[in-house]
PDB file of N, CA and C in Angstrom:
ATOM      1  N   MET A   1     103.142 111.673  97.572  1.00  0.00           N
ATOM      2  CA  MET A   1     101.766 112.960  97.251  1.00  0.00           C
ATOM      3  C   MET A   1     101.245 112.332  98.542  1.00  0.00           C
ATOM      4  N   GLU A   2     100.763 113.733  99.299  1.00  0.00           N
ATOM      5  CA  GLU A   2      99.966 113.553 100.055  1.00  0.00           C
ATOM      6  C   GLU A   2      98.331 113.301  99.826  1.00  0.00           C
ATOM      7  N   THR A   3      97.592 113.059 100.337  1.00  0.00           N
ATOM      8  CA  THR A   3      96.241 112.483 100.616  1.00  0.00           C
ATOM      9  C   THR A   3      95.427 113.393 100.834  1.00  0.00           C
ATOM     10  N   PRO A   4      94.300 113.758 100.639  1.00  0.00           N
ATOM     11  CA  PRO A   4      93.388 114.973 100.947  1.00  0.00           C
ATOM     12  C   PRO A   4      92.699 113.956 102.590  1.00  0.00           C
ATOM     13  N   GLN A   5      92.632 115.150 103.307  1.00  0.00           N
ATOM     14  CA  GLN A   5      91.969 114.324 104.334  1.00  0.00           C
ATOM     15  C   GLN A   5      90.225 114.700 104.407  1.00  0.00           C
ATOM     16  N   THR A   6      89.732 113.193 104.825  1.00  0.00           N
ATOM     17  CA  THR A   6      88.439 113.897 103.907  1.00  0.00           C
ATOM     18  C   THR A   6      87.395 112.871 105.377  1.00  0.00           C
ATOM     19  N   LEU A   7      86.309 112.810 105.438  1.00  0.00           N
ATOM     20  CA  LEU A   7      85.326 112.761 106.344  1.00  0.00           C
ATOM     21  C   LEU A   7      85.690 111.148 106.042  1.00  0.00           C
ATOM     22  N   ASP A   8      85.869 110.615 104.889  1.00  0.00           N
ATOM     23  CA  ASP A   8      85.894 109.044 105.175  1.00  0.00           C
ATOM     24  C   ASP A   8      87.346 108.569 105.647  1.00  0.00           C
ATOM     25  N   ALA A   9      88.430 109.304 105.676  1.00  0.00           N
ATOM     26  CA  ALA A   9      89.852 109.169 106.188  1.00  0.00           C
ATOM     27  C   ALA A   9      89.604 108.149 107.746  1.00  0.00           C
ATOM     28  N   PRO A  10      91.040 107.167 107.947  1.00  0.00           N
ATOM     29  CA  PRO A  10      91.004 106.196 108.617  1.00  0.00           C
ATOM     30  C   PRO A  10      91.516 107.489 109.647  1.00  0.00           C
ATOM     31  N   ARG A  11      90.471 106.726 110.894  1.00  0.00           N
ATOM     32  CA  ARG A  11      90.836 107.526 112.548  1.00  0.00           C
ATOM     33  C   ARG A  11      90.772 106.692 113.433  1.00  0.00           C
ATOM     34  N   TYR A  12      91.661 107.427 114.256  1.00  0.00           N
ATOM     35  CA  TYR A  12      92.174 106.657 115.965  1.00  0.00           C
ATOM     36  C   TYR A  12      90.664 106.418 116.283  1.00  0.00           C
ATOM     37  N   GLY A  13      91.342 105.814 117.439  1.00  0.00           N
ATOM     38  CA  GLY A  13      90.026 105.119 118.461  1.00  0.00           C
ATOM     39  C   GLY A  13      89.304 106.937 118.663  1.00  0.00           C
ATOM     40  N   ASP A  14      90.297 107.973 119.035  1.00  0.00           N
ATOM     41  CA  ASP A  14      89.667 108.664 119.900  1.00  0.00           C
ATOM     42  C   ASP A  14      89.188 109.972 118.382  1.00  0.00           C
ATOM     43  N   GLY A  15      89.182 109.771 117.494  1.00  0.00           N
ATOM     44  CA  GLY A  15      88.282 110.209 116.161  1.00  0.00           C
ATOM     45  C   GLY A  15      89.551 111.205 115.824  1.00  0.00           C
ATOM     46  N   LEU A  16      90.609 111.166 115.832  1.00  0.00           N
ATOM     47  CA  LEU A  16      92.023 112.064 115.036  1.00  0.00           C
ATOM     48  C   LEU A  16      91.956 111.133 114.239  1.00  0.00           C
ATOM     49  N   VAL A  17      92.346 111.738 113.030  1.00  0.00           N
ATOM     50  CA  VAL A  17      92.416 111.450 111.340  1.00  0.00           C
ATOM     51  C   VAL A  17      93.792 110.766 111.508  1.00  0.00           C
ATOM     52  N   VAL A  18      93.987 109.810 110.479  1.00  0.00           N
ATOM     53  CA  VAL A  18      95.328 109.156 110.404  1.00  0.00           C
ATOM     54  C   VAL A  18      95.915 109.893 109.474  1.00  0.00           C
ATOM     55  N   LYS A  19      97.116 110.452 109.637  1.00  0.00           N
ATOM     56  CA  LYS A  19      97.944 110.801 108.503  1.00  0.00           C
ATOM     57  C   LYS A  19      99.480 110.377 107.849  1.00  0.00           C
ATOM     58  N   THR A  20      99.701 110.375 106.634  1.00  0.00           N
ATOM     59  CA  THR A  20     100.726 109.758 106.557  1.00  0.00           C
ATOM     60  C   THR A  20     102.212 110.124 107.195  1.00  0.00           C
ATOM     61  N   GLY A  21     102.942 109.485 107.646  1.00  0.00           N
ATOM     62  CA  GLY A  21     104.122 109.585 108.530  1.00  0.00           C
ATOM     63  C   GLY A  21     103.943 109.207 109.791  1.00  0.00           C
ATOM     64  N   ASP A  22     102.576 108.877 110.465  1.00  0.00           N
ATOM     65  CA  ASP A  22     102.076 108.735 111.634  1.00  0.00           C
ATOM     66  C   ASP A  22     103.103 107.837 112.295  1.00  0.00           C
ATOM     67  N   LYS A  23     103.128 107.495 113.475  1.00  0.00           N
ATOM     68  CA  LYS A  23     103.756 106.270 113.737  1.00  0.00           C
ATOM     69  C   LYS A  23     102.815 105.372 114.628  1.00  0.00           C
ATOM     70  N   VAL A  24     102.118 104.148 114.410  1.00  0.00           N
ATOM     71  CA  VAL A  24     101.149 103.581 114.805  1.00  0.00           C
ATOM     72  C   VAL A  24     101.334 102.289 115.481  1.00  0.00           C
ATOM     73  N   PHE A  25     100.801 102.058 116.341  1.00  0.00           N
ATOM     74  CA  PHE A  25     100.857 100.589 117.035  1.00  0.00           C
ATOM     75  C   PHE A  25      99.489  99.990 116.125  1.00  0.00           C
ATOM     76  N   VAL A  26      99.198  98.521 115.390  1.00  0.00           N
ATOM     77  CA  VAL A  26      98.530  98.255 114.588  1.00  0.00           C
ATOM     78  C   VAL A  26      97.734  96.764 115.236  1.00  0.00           C
ATOM     79  N   PRO A  27      96.859  97.191 116.060  1.00  0.00           N
ATOM     80  CA  PRO A  27      96.499  96.101 116.915  1.00  0.00           C
ATOM     81  C   PRO A  27      96.088  94.637 116.412  1.00  0.00           C
ATOM     82  N   SER A  28      95.923  94.738 114.970  1.00  0.00           N
ATOM     83  CA  SER A  28      95.410  93.652 114.202  1.00  0.00           C
ATOM     84  C   SER A  28      96.247  92.920 113.974  1.00  0.00           C
ATOM     85  N   GLU A  29      97.189  93.378 114.077  1.00  0.00           N
ATOM     86  CA  GLU A  29      98.811  92.218 113.446  1.00  0.00           C
ATOM     87  C   GLU A  29      99.697  92.468 114.582  1.00  0.00           C
ATOM     88  N   GLN A  30     100.041  93.517 115.877  1.00  0.00           N
ATOM     89  CA  GLN A  30     100.946  93.179 116.981  1.00  0.00           C
ATOM     90  C   GLN A  30     101.982  93.599 116.263  1.00  0.00           C
ATOM     91  N   VAL A  31     101.900  94.903 115.745  1.00  0.00           N
ATOM     92  CA  VAL A  31     103.260  95.724 115.455  1.00  0.00           C
ATOM     93  C   VAL A  31     103.346  97.111 115.397  1.00  0.00           C
ATOM     94  N   GLN A  32     104.348  97.907 115.467  1.00  0.00           N
ATOM     95  CA  GLN A  32     104.264  99.063 115.390  1.00  0.00           C
ATOM     96  C   GLN A  32     104.798  99.516 114.149  1.00  0.00           C
ATOM     97  N   ALA A  33     104.485 100.529 113.342  1.00  0.00           N
ATOM     98  CA  ALA A  33     104.723 100.965 111.940  1.00  0.00           C
ATOM     99  C   ALA A  33     104.626 101.858 111.828  1.00  0.00           C
ATOM    100  N   LEU A  34     104.862 102.603 110.615  1.00  0.00           N
ATOM    101  CA  LEU A  34     104.904 104.028 110.015  1.00  0.00           C
ATOM    102  C   LEU A  34     104.149 104.148 108.866  1.00  0.00           C
ATOM    103  N   VAL A  35     102.457 104.475 109.015  1.00  0.00           N
ATOM    104  CA  VAL A  35     101.784 105.217 107.895  1.00  0.00           C
ATOM    105  C   VAL A  35     102.611 105.852 106.357  1.00  0.00           C
ATOM    106  N   THR A  36     102.239 105.018 105.375  1.00  0.00           N
ATOM    107  CA  THR A  36     103.007 105.482 104.530  1.00  0.00           C
ATOM    108  C   THR A  36     102.300 106.046 103.622  1.00  0.00           C
ATOM    109  N   ALA A  37     100.829 105.412 103.258  1.00  0.00           N
ATOM    110  CA  ALA A  37     100.027 105.873 102.129  1.00  0.00           C
ATOM    111  C   ALA A  37      98.487 105.931 102.665  1.00  0.00           C
ATOM    112  N   LEU A  38      97.531 106.717 102.629  1.00  0.00           N
ATOM    113  CA  LEU A  38      95.843 106.611 102.875  1.00  0.00           C
ATOM    114  C   LEU A  38      95.977 106.629 101.120  1.00  0.00           C
ATOM    115  N   ILE A  39      95.104 105.219 101.371  1.00  0.00           N
ATOM    116  CA  ILE A  39      94.477 105.130  99.679  1.00  0.00           C
ATOM    117  C   ILE A  39      93.247 105.065  99.984  1.00  0.00           C
ATOM    118  N   GLN A  40      92.486 106.365  99.561  1.00  0.00           N
ATOM    119  CA  GLN A  40      91.353 106.213  99.166  1.00  0.00           C
ATOM    120  C   GLN A  40      90.470 106.234  98.083  1.00  0.00           C
ATOM    121  N   SER A  41      91.206 106.809  96.830  1.00  0.00           N
ATOM    122  CA  SER A  41      90.733 106.665  95.785  1.00  0.00           C
ATOM    123  C   SER A  41      90.609 105.560  95.033  1.00  0.00           C
ATOM    124  N   PRO A  42      89.979 105.822  93.323  1.00  0.00           N
ATOM    125  CA  PRO A  42      90.310 104.670  93.102  1.00  0.00           C
ATOM    126  C   PRO A  42      91.322 104.911  92.340  1.00  0.00           C
ATOM    127  N   GLU A  43      91.669 105.789  92.309  1.00  0.00           N
ATOM    128  CA  GLU A  43      93.731 105.837  91.160  1.00  0.00           C
ATOM    129  C   GLU A  43      94.110 105.627  92.433  1.00  0.00           C
ATOM    130  N   GLN A  44      94.283 106.005  93.581  1.00  0.00           N
ATOM    131  CA  GLN A  44      95.294 105.197  94.194  1.00  0.00           C
ATOM    132  C   GLN A  44      95.369 103.746  94.668  1.00  0.00           C
ATOM    133  N   GLN A  45      93.976 103.546  94.787  1.00  0.00           N
ATOM    134  CA  GLN A  45      93.965 101.537  94.860  1.00  0.00           C
ATOM    135  C   GLN A  45      94.438 101.304  93.146  1.00  0.00           C
ATOM    136  N   ALA A  46      94.057 101.689  92.380  1.00  0.00           N
ATOM    137  CA  ALA A  46      95.332 101.325  91.325  1.00  0.00           C
ATOM    138  C   ALA A  46      96.417 101.355  91.153  1.00  0.00           C
ATOM    139  N   GLU A  47      97.345 102.182  91.836  1.00  0.00           N
ATOM    140  CA  GLU A  47      98.494 102.830  91.703  1.00  0.00           C
ATOM    141  C   GLU A  47      99.144 101.720  92.710  1.00  0.00           C
ATOM    142  N   TRP A  48      98.547 101.456  94.189  1.00  0.00           N
ATOM    143  CA  TRP A  48      98.873 101.025  95.036  1.00  0.00           C
ATOM    144  C   TRP A  48      98.667  98.716  95.075  1.00  0.00           C
ATOM    145  N   SER A  49      98.025  98.978  93.661  1.00  0.00           N
ATOM    146  CA  SER A  49      97.139  97.740  93.354  1.00  0.00           C
ATOM    147  C   SER A  49      96.258  96.937  94.617  1.00  0.00           C
ATOM    148  N   VAL A  50      95.774  97.418  94.950  1.00  0.00           N
ATOM    149  CA  VAL A  50      94.486  97.093  96.499  1.00  0.00           C
ATOM    150  C   VAL A  50      93.329  97.331  95.795  1.00  0.00           C
ATOM    151  N   SER A  51      92.401  96.602  96.279  1.00  0.00           N
ATOM    152  CA  SER A  51      91.202  96.671  95.554  1.00  0.00           C
ATOM    153  C   SER A  51      90.184  96.906  96.461  1.00  0.00           C
ATOM    154  N   GLU A  52      90.420  97.982  98.268  1.00  0.00           N
ATOM    155  CA  GLU A  52      89.590  98.467  98.486  1.00  0.00           C
ATOM    156  C   GLU A  52      90.349  99.919  99.229  1.00  0.00           C
ATOM    157  N   PRO A  53      89.846 100.506  99.959  1.00  0.00           N
ATOM    158  CA  PRO A  53      89.963 102.065 100.558  1.00  0.00           C
ATOM    159  C   PRO A  53      91.117 101.103 101.576  1.00  0.00           C
ATOM    160  N   GLY A  54      92.213 102.200 102.121  1.00  0.00           N
ATOM    161  CA  GLY A  54      92.877 101.599 103.477  1.00  0.00           C
ATOM    162  C   GLY A  54      94.364 102.428 103.491  1.00  0.00           C
ATOM    163  N   VAL A  55      95.123 101.554 104.398  1.00  0.00           N
ATOM    164  CA  VAL A  55      96.082 102.295 104.784  1.00  0.00           C
ATOM    165  C   VAL A  55      97.377 101.234 104.519  1.00  0.00           C
ATOM    166  N   MET A  56      98.742 102.278 103.927  1.00  0.00           N
ATOM    167  CA  MET A  56      99.602 101.434 103.643  1.00  0.00           C
ATOM    168  C   MET A  56     100.720 101.194 104.604  1.00  0.00           C
ATOM    169  N   PHE A  57     101.078 100.421 105.245  1.00  0.00           N
ATOM    170  CA  PHE A  57     101.974 100.792 106.083  1.00  0.00           C
ATOM    171  C   PHE A  57     103.344 100.276 106.328  1.00  0.00           C
ATOM    172  N   GLU A  58     104.672 100.917 107.015  1.00  0.00           N
ATOM    173  CA  GLU A  58     105.957  99.978 106.398  1.00  0.00           C
ATOM    174  C   GLU A  58     106.300  99.510 108.334  1.00  0.00           C
ATOM    175  N   ALA A  59     106.200  97.890 108.309  1.00  0.00           N
ATOM    176  CA  ALA A  59     106.601  97.775 109.628  1.00  0.00           C
ATOM    177  C   ALA A  59     107.621  96.664 109.546  1.00  0.00           C
ATOM    178  N   GLN A  60     108.590  97.213 110.446  1.00  0.00           N
ATOM    179  CA  GLN A  60     109.999  96.046 110.277  1.00  0.00           C
ATOM    180  C   GLN A  60     109.635  94.608 110.410  1.00  0.00           C
ATOM    181  N   GLU A  61     108.886  94.380 111.291  1.00  0.00           N
ATOM    182  CA  GLU A  61     108.440  92.832 110.636  1.00  0.00           C
ATOM    183  C   GLU A  61     107.988  92.372 109.233  1.00  0.00           C
ATOM    184  N   PHE A  62     107.172  93.053 108.701  1.00  0.00           N
ATOM    185  CA  PHE A  62     106.309  92.740 107.084  1.00  0.00           C
ATOM    186  C   PHE A  62     107.072  93.295 105.827  1.00  0.00           C
ATOM    187  N   GLY A  63     107.511  94.445 106.718  1.00  0.00           N
ATOM    188  CA  GLY A  63     108.175  95.313 104.977  1.00  0.00           C
ATOM    189  C   GLY A  63     107.093  96.190 105.130  1.00  0.00           C
ATOM    190  N   LEU A  64     106.181  96.481 103.729  1.00  0.00           N
ATOM    191  CA  LEU A  64     105.091  97.513 103.728  1.00  0.00           C
ATOM    192  C   LEU A  64     103.706  95.683 103.947  1.00  0.00           C
ATOM    193  N   LEU A  65     102.802  96.725 104.590  1.00  0.00           N
ATOM    194  CA  LEU A  65     101.176  96.243 105.131  1.00  0.00           C
ATOM    195  C   LEU A  65     100.673  96.901 104.253  1.00  0.00           C
ATOM    196  N   PHE A  66      99.547  96.235 104.036  1.00  0.00           N
ATOM    197  CA  PHE A  66      97.842  97.291 103.853  1.00  0.00           C
ATOM    198  C   PHE A  66      96.662  96.597 104.761  1.00  0.00           C
ATOM    199  N   ILE A  67      96.411  97.167 105.046  1.00  0.00           N
ATOM    200  CA  ILE A  67      95.263  96.912 105.804  1.00  0.00           C
ATOM    201  C   ILE A  67      93.986  97.822 105.263  1.00  0.00           C
ATOM    202  N   PRO A  68      92.389  97.069 104.915  1.00  0.00           N
ATOM    203  CA  PRO A  68      91.956  97.552 104.205  1.00  0.00           C
ATOM    204  C   PRO A  68      90.737  98.547 105.339  1.00  0.00           C
ATOM    205  N   ALA A  69      90.483  99.907 105.071  1.00  0.00           N
ATOM    206  CA  ALA A  69      89.645 100.507 106.128  1.00  0.00           C
ATOM    207  C   ALA A  69      88.764  99.801 106.740  1.00  0.00           C
ATOM    208  N   SER A  70      87.900  98.720 105.676  1.00  0.00           N
ATOM    209  CA  SER A  70      86.718  97.895 107.324  1.00  0.00           C
ATOM    210  C   SER A  70      87.464  97.150 108.264  1.00  0.00           C
ATOM    211  N   ILE A  71      88.795  96.994 108.290  1.00  0.00           N
ATOM    212  CA  ILE A  71      89.182  96.015 109.740  1.00  0.00           C
ATOM    213  C   ILE A  71      89.520  97.256 110.361  1.00  0.00           C
ATOM    214  N   LEU A  72      90.344  98.540 109.756  1.00  0.00           N
ATOM    215  CA  LEU A  72      90.843  99.712 110.555  1.00  0.00           C
ATOM    216  C   LEU A  72      89.246 100.038 111.608  1.00  0.00           C
ATOM    217  N   LYS A  73      88.112  99.933 111.162  1.00  0.00           N
ATOM    218  CA  LYS A  73      87.202 100.679 111.406  1.00  0.00           C
ATOM    219  C   LYS A  73      86.741  99.107 112.965  1.00  0.00           C
ATOM    220  N   GLU A  74      86.942  97.839 112.822  1.00  0.00           N
ATOM    221  CA  GLU A  74      86.995  97.395 113.925  1.00  0.00           C
ATOM    222  C   GLU A  74      87.700  97.317 114.451  1.00  0.00           C
ATOM    223  N   HIS A  75      89.256  97.338 114.431  1.00  0.00           N
ATOM    224  CA  HIS A  75      90.558  97.192 114.842  1.00  0.00           C
ATOM    225  C   HIS A  75      90.892  98.959 114.557  1.00  0.00           C
ATOM    226  N   PRO A  76      90.690  99.866 115.375  1.00  0.00           N
ATOM    227  CA  PRO A  76      91.780 100.911 115.356  1.00  0.00           C
ATOM    228  C   PRO A  76      92.895 101.011 115.733  1.00  0.00           C
ATOM    229  N   LEU A  77      93.828 101.730 115.201  1.00  0.00           N
ATOM    230  CA  LEU A  77      95.006 101.531 115.473  1.00  0.00           C
ATOM    231  C   LEU A  77      95.188 102.478 116.760  1.00  0.00           C
ATOM    232  N   GLU A  78      96.105 102.691 117.514  1.00  0.00           N
ATOM    233  CA  GLU A  78      97.007 103.501 117.766  1.00  0.00           C
ATOM    234  C   GLU A  78      97.801 103.867 118.337  1.00  0.00           C
ATOM    235  N   ARG A  79      97.979 105.119 118.101  1.00  0.00           N
ATOM    236  CA  ARG A  79      99.193 106.389 118.094  1.00  0.00           C
ATOM    237  C   ARG A  79     100.113 106.068 118.946  1.00  0.00           C
ATOM    238  N   CYS A  80     101.273 106.117 118.288  1.00  0.00           N
ATOM    239  CA  CYS A  80     102.548 106.002 119.362  1.00  0.00           C
ATOM    240  C   CYS A  80     103.588 107.152 119.822  1.00  0.00           C
TER     241      CYS A  80
END
């Protein structure tokens, strides 16, 4: 299910909105990953069993990896 893009959507350092399917470099984990879900609503948080908004990634090194939006603000993603 595609997440609607809102002003609260995670963004890259250059201001562009992160989208499902984007290939990214996650600086905080030093890995390349695929964005599998943008988790913004309480319903999505419940569906993914996370307690705050953020981004779910698939990384070869970790499998599924969730990073909260608060961490992404401090350590923006880089597009690959």
